[in-house]
Amino acid sequence: KAPLDVLAQQIIAEVSCQEWEEHALLEMFRKASPYAEVDESHYQALLGMLAEGYSGRQGVRAAYLHRDAVTRTLRGRRGSKLTAVTSGGTIPDNADYSVILEPQALNIGTVNEDFAVESIAGDIFQLGNTSYRILRIEAGRVRVEDAQGVPPNIPFWLGEAPGRSNELSFAVARLQADIDQQLTAHPGNLRPCIDWLMGTLGLDAASAEQIVDYLARAHSAL
């Protein structure tokens, strides 16, 4: 609730487009459910950070707005609109385990939490082009050693979207096989395959041409 990093992005976006009075801007944000009860002190701290930035080796950075202490108004600095457009969004937390190669104590990658939890000491898995033997599993870390080429299992990672079903995978494979047959039967001539797709699947010409052009390139390469 009330993620301040997202609020900071929205403040930059708003003041880069027009001048705002501080309290009016806060009241506008409070109309959104996540920020209905946002603390005034947190809001003021955000404004201070966005107005003053922070000091680094190359001077002050991340100062995105001008803040008038007398009129309590906010307006964007040069470049703030571009920053708002190109740098919005958040990166979700993940529970990946770091893979630590022993005895060098080198971090060589990550594996999914579920894979780490389901593994035990002695299991062998592949990361990159090398197989590793698990020595022990700690909080957030999997310590491994080089398995010297012993045949491994392949670790898995979980994405944000559901995986493709078997039924859809079979349907895609059948479609690719049918298109491959059409391309083989009419070498160098894509029109029959395009017409077949339009007649069989009811695709419009642009969609059929795009599919056939893409798969024809793969067909010719193979």
Protein backbone atom coordinates (compact mmCIF):
# COMPACT_ATOMS: atom_id res chain seq x y z
CA LYS A 1 0.00 0.00 0.00
CA ALA A 2 1.19 3.52 -0.91
CA PRO A 3 4.44 2.56 -2.71
CA LEU A 4 6.54 5.70 -2.47
CA ASP A 5 8.73 4.87 -5.47
CA VAL A 6 5.66 4.85 -7.71
CA LEU A 7 4.36 8.03 -6.07
CA ALA A 8 7.68 9.74 -6.80
CA GLN A 9 7.39 8.77 -10.46
CA GLN A 10 3.86 10.15 -10.65
CA ILE A 11 4.87 13.41 -8.98
CA ILE A 12 7.58 13.88 -11.61
CA ALA A 13 5.13 13.07 -14.41
CA GLU A 14 2.52 15.55 -13.16
CA VAL A 15 4.80 18.52 -12.48
CA SER A 16 6.68 18.02 -15.76
CA CYS A 17 3.41 18.76 -17.59
CA GLN A 18 2.09 21.66 -15.52
CA GLU A 19 2.68 23.66 -12.35
CA TRP A 20 1.06 22.27 -9.18
CA GLU A 21 0.42 23.56 -5.69
CA GLU A 22 1.81 21.02 -3.21
CA HIS A 23 -1.40 20.39 -1.25
CA ALA A 24 -3.57 20.24 -4.37
CA LEU A 25 -1.26 17.63 -5.87
CA LEU A 26 -1.40 15.55 -2.69
CA GLU A 27 -5.20 15.73 -2.61
CA MET A 28 -5.30 14.58 -6.22
CA PHE A 29 -3.13 11.56 -5.41
CA ARG A 30 -5.26 10.74 -2.37
CA LYS A 31 -8.19 10.09 -4.69
CA ALA A 32 -6.38 6.91 -5.74
CA SER A 33 -7.04 4.02 -3.35
CA PRO A 34 -3.36 3.11 -2.70
CA TYR A 35 -2.62 6.67 -1.59
CA ALA A 36 -5.87 7.53 0.19
CA GLU A 37 -4.07 7.58 3.54
CA VAL A 38 -0.55 8.49 2.44
CA ASP A 39 1.30 10.21 5.27
CA GLU A 40 1.95 13.95 4.87
CA SER A 41 5.49 13.61 6.23
CA HIS A 42 6.33 10.95 3.64
CA TYR A 43 4.94 13.16 0.90
CA GLN A 44 7.01 16.12 2.07
CA ALA A 45 10.12 13.96 2.27
CA LEU A 46 9.54 12.82 -1.32
CA LEU A 47 9.19 16.41 -2.51
CA GLY A 48 12.42 17.31 -0.75
CA MET A 49 14.26 14.42 -2.36
CA LEU A 50 12.92 15.18 -5.84
CA ALA A 51 13.72 18.89 -5.51
CA GLU A 52 17.20 18.58 -3.98
CA GLY A 53 18.40 15.31 -5.52
CA TYR A 54 21.48 13.72 -4.01
CA SER A 55 25.20 14.31 -4.29
CA GLY A 56 27.47 11.91 -6.14
CA ARG A 57 30.87 11.93 -7.77
CA GLN A 58 29.47 13.89 -10.69
CA GLY A 59 27.63 16.43 -8.56
CA VAL A 60 23.95 16.67 -7.67
CA ARG A 61 21.75 14.11 -9.42
CA ALA A 62 18.07 13.16 -9.55
CA ALA A 63 16.73 16.69 -8.91
CA TYR A 64 13.64 16.58 -11.08
CA LEU A 65 11.51 19.49 -9.90
CA HIS A 66 11.65 23.10 -8.74
CA ARG A 67 9.97 23.72 -5.38
CA ASP A 68 8.96 27.26 -4.42
CA ALA A 69 9.06 27.44 -0.63
CA VAL A 70 7.01 30.67 -0.56
CA THR A 71 4.11 29.83 -2.87
CA ARG A 72 4.37 26.07 -2.23
CA THR A 73 4.27 25.36 -5.95
CA LEU A 74 6.03 22.67 -7.95
CA ARG A 75 7.19 22.61 -11.55
CA GLY A 76 9.38 20.26 -13.51
CA ARG A 77 13.03 20.80 -14.34
CA ARG A 78 14.42 20.39 -17.83
CA GLY A 79 14.46 16.72 -18.76
CA SER A 80 11.90 15.67 -16.16
CA LYS A 81 9.26 14.86 -18.77
CA LEU A 82 11.65 12.58 -20.67
CA THR A 83 12.59 10.87 -17.40
CA ALA A 84 8.92 10.29 -16.57
CA VAL A 85 8.22 8.78 -19.99
CA THR A 86 11.28 6.54 -20.26
CA SER A 87 11.89 5.46 -16.67
CA GLY A 88 8.47 4.62 -15.25
CA GLY A 89 7.53 1.33 -13.64
CA THR A 90 8.88 -0.97 -10.98
CA ILE A 91 10.91 -4.15 -10.85
CA PRO A 92 9.14 -6.85 -8.81
CA ASP A 93 10.99 -8.63 -6.06
CA ASN A 94 11.97 -12.20 -6.79
CA ALA A 95 13.06 -15.02 -4.59
CA ASP A 96 15.89 -16.36 -6.75
CA TYR A 97 18.76 -18.09 -4.95
CA SER A 98 22.32 -17.01 -5.71
CA VAL A 99 24.57 -19.84 -6.91
CA ILE A 100 27.98 -19.64 -5.21
CA LEU A 101 30.89 -21.62 -6.65
CA GLU A 102 33.23 -23.05 -4.02
CA PRO A 103 36.00 -22.83 -2.99
CA GLN A 104 36.35 -19.53 -4.88
CA ALA A 105 33.11 -18.10 -3.37
CA LEU A 106 32.15 -16.74 -6.80
CA ASN A 107 28.57 -15.76 -7.57
CA ILE A 108 27.95 -17.47 -10.91
CA GLY A 109 24.21 -16.95 -11.35
CA THR A 110 20.80 -17.64 -9.86
CA VAL A 111 18.19 -20.38 -9.75
CA ASN A 112 14.52 -20.17 -8.93
CA GLU A 113 13.50 -20.53 -5.29
CA ASP A 114 11.30 -23.55 -6.04
CA PHE A 115 14.16 -25.32 -7.79
CA ALA A 116 16.50 -24.58 -4.87
CA VAL A 117 14.00 -25.76 -2.25
CA GLU A 118 13.30 -28.99 -4.14
CA SER A 119 17.01 -29.80 -4.51
CA ILE A 120 19.28 -31.52 -2.00
CA ALA A 121 23.02 -31.75 -1.45
CA GLY A 122 24.59 -33.99 -4.08
CA ASP A 123 22.18 -33.05 -6.87
CA ILE A 124 23.84 -32.01 -10.12
CA PHE A 125 22.43 -29.31 -12.38
CA GLN A 126 23.57 -27.27 -15.34
CA LEU A 127 24.14 -23.53 -15.34
CA GLY A 128 25.46 -22.06 -18.56
CA ASN A 129 27.54 -24.79 -20.20
CA THR A 130 28.89 -26.30 -16.98
CA SER A 131 27.44 -28.85 -14.57
CA TYR A 132 27.63 -28.23 -10.82
CA ARG A 133 27.16 -30.42 -7.74
CA ILE A 134 25.22 -28.91 -4.85
CA LEU A 135 27.24 -28.82 -1.62
CA ARG A 136 24.60 -27.24 0.59
CA ILE A 137 21.60 -24.95 0.43
CA GLU A 138 21.45 -21.91 2.68
CA ALA A 139 19.06 -18.99 3.04
CA GLY A 140 19.08 -17.39 -0.40
CA ARG A 141 22.21 -19.26 -1.54
CA VAL A 142 23.07 -22.55 -3.20
CA ARG A 143 26.74 -23.47 -2.72
CA VAL A 144 28.14 -25.69 -5.47
CA GLU A 145 31.31 -27.20 -6.85
CA ASP A 146 32.31 -28.11 -10.39
CA ALA A 147 30.82 -31.53 -11.19
CA GLN A 148 33.54 -32.23 -13.77
CA GLY A 149 31.12 -32.94 -16.62
CA VAL A 150 28.81 -35.38 -14.83
CA PRO A 151 25.42 -35.44 -16.67
CA PRO A 152 23.20 -32.82 -15.02
CA ASN A 153 19.56 -31.93 -14.58
CA ILE A 154 18.36 -28.62 -16.02
CA PRO A 155 17.12 -26.02 -13.51
CA PHE A 156 13.84 -24.24 -14.10
CA TRP A 157 12.68 -20.67 -13.67
CA LEU A 158 9.09 -19.51 -13.30
CA GLY A 159 7.82 -16.59 -15.36
CA GLU A 160 5.04 -14.17 -14.53
CA ALA A 161 2.67 -15.55 -17.18
CA PRO A 162 1.24 -19.09 -17.24
CA GLY A 163 3.06 -21.56 -19.42
CA ARG A 164 1.71 -22.59 -22.83
CA SER A 165 -0.64 -25.57 -22.56
CA ASN A 166 0.11 -28.89 -24.25
CA GLU A 167 -2.96 -28.44 -26.45
CA LEU A 168 -1.80 -25.05 -27.71
CA SER A 169 1.74 -26.34 -28.23
CA PHE A 170 0.44 -29.25 -30.33
CA ALA A 171 -1.76 -26.87 -32.36
CA VAL A 172 1.17 -24.54 -33.05
CA ALA A 173 3.36 -27.50 -34.04
CA ARG A 174 0.67 -28.80 -36.43
CA LEU A 175 0.29 -25.38 -38.01
CA GLN A 176 4.05 -25.08 -38.51
CA ALA A 177 4.15 -28.56 -40.07
CA ASP A 178 1.28 -27.72 -42.44
CA ILE A 179 2.95 -24.48 -43.51
CA ASP A 180 6.23 -26.35 -44.00
CA GLN A 181 4.45 -28.78 -46.34
CA GLN A 182 3.01 -25.89 -48.33
CA LEU A 183 6.42 -24.24 -48.64
CA THR A 184 8.01 -27.52 -49.73
CA ALA A 185 5.29 -28.12 -52.32
CA HIS A 186 5.71 -24.64 -53.83
CA PRO A 187 9.41 -23.73 -53.53
CA GLY A 188 10.09 -20.06 -54.08
CA ASN A 189 6.39 -19.18 -54.30
CA LEU A 190 4.72 -17.96 -51.11
CA ARG A 191 1.35 -17.10 -52.65
CA PRO A 192 -0.20 -20.60 -52.43
CA CYS A 193 0.73 -20.83 -48.74
CA ILE A 194 -0.69 -17.37 -48.04
CA ASP A 195 -3.94 -18.24 -49.83
CA TRP A 196 -4.13 -21.52 -47.92
CA LEU A 197 -3.78 -19.75 -44.58
CA MET A 198 -6.43 -17.18 -45.50
CA GLY A 199 -8.85 -19.87 -46.62
CA THR A 200 -8.17 -22.34 -43.80
CA LEU A 201 -7.88 -20.01 -40.80
CA GLY A 202 -9.78 -16.98 -42.07
CA LEU A 203 -6.78 -14.68 -41.68
CA ASP A 204 -6.56 -11.35 -43.47
CA ALA A 205 -3.89 -10.94 -46.12
CA ALA A 206 -1.49 -8.91 -43.96
CA SER A 207 -1.52 -11.47 -41.12
CA ALA A 208 -1.09 -14.43 -43.46
CA GLU A 209 1.77 -12.73 -45.31
CA GLN A 210 3.56 -11.93 -42.05
CA ILE A 211 3.32 -15.52 -40.78
CA VAL A 212 4.40 -17.05 -44.08
CA ASP A 213 7.28 -14.61 -44.55
CA TYR A 214 8.59 -15.36 -41.05
CA LEU A 215 8.35 -19.16 -41.38
CA ALA A 216 9.64 -19.14 -44.96
CA ARG A 217 12.85 -17.49 -43.78
CA ALA A 218 13.31 -20.23 -41.17
CA HIS A 219 12.44 -22.89 -43.77
CA SER A 220 15.05 -21.61 -46.22
CA ALA A 221 17.69 -21.40 -43.49
CA LEU A 222 17.13 -25.03 -42.56
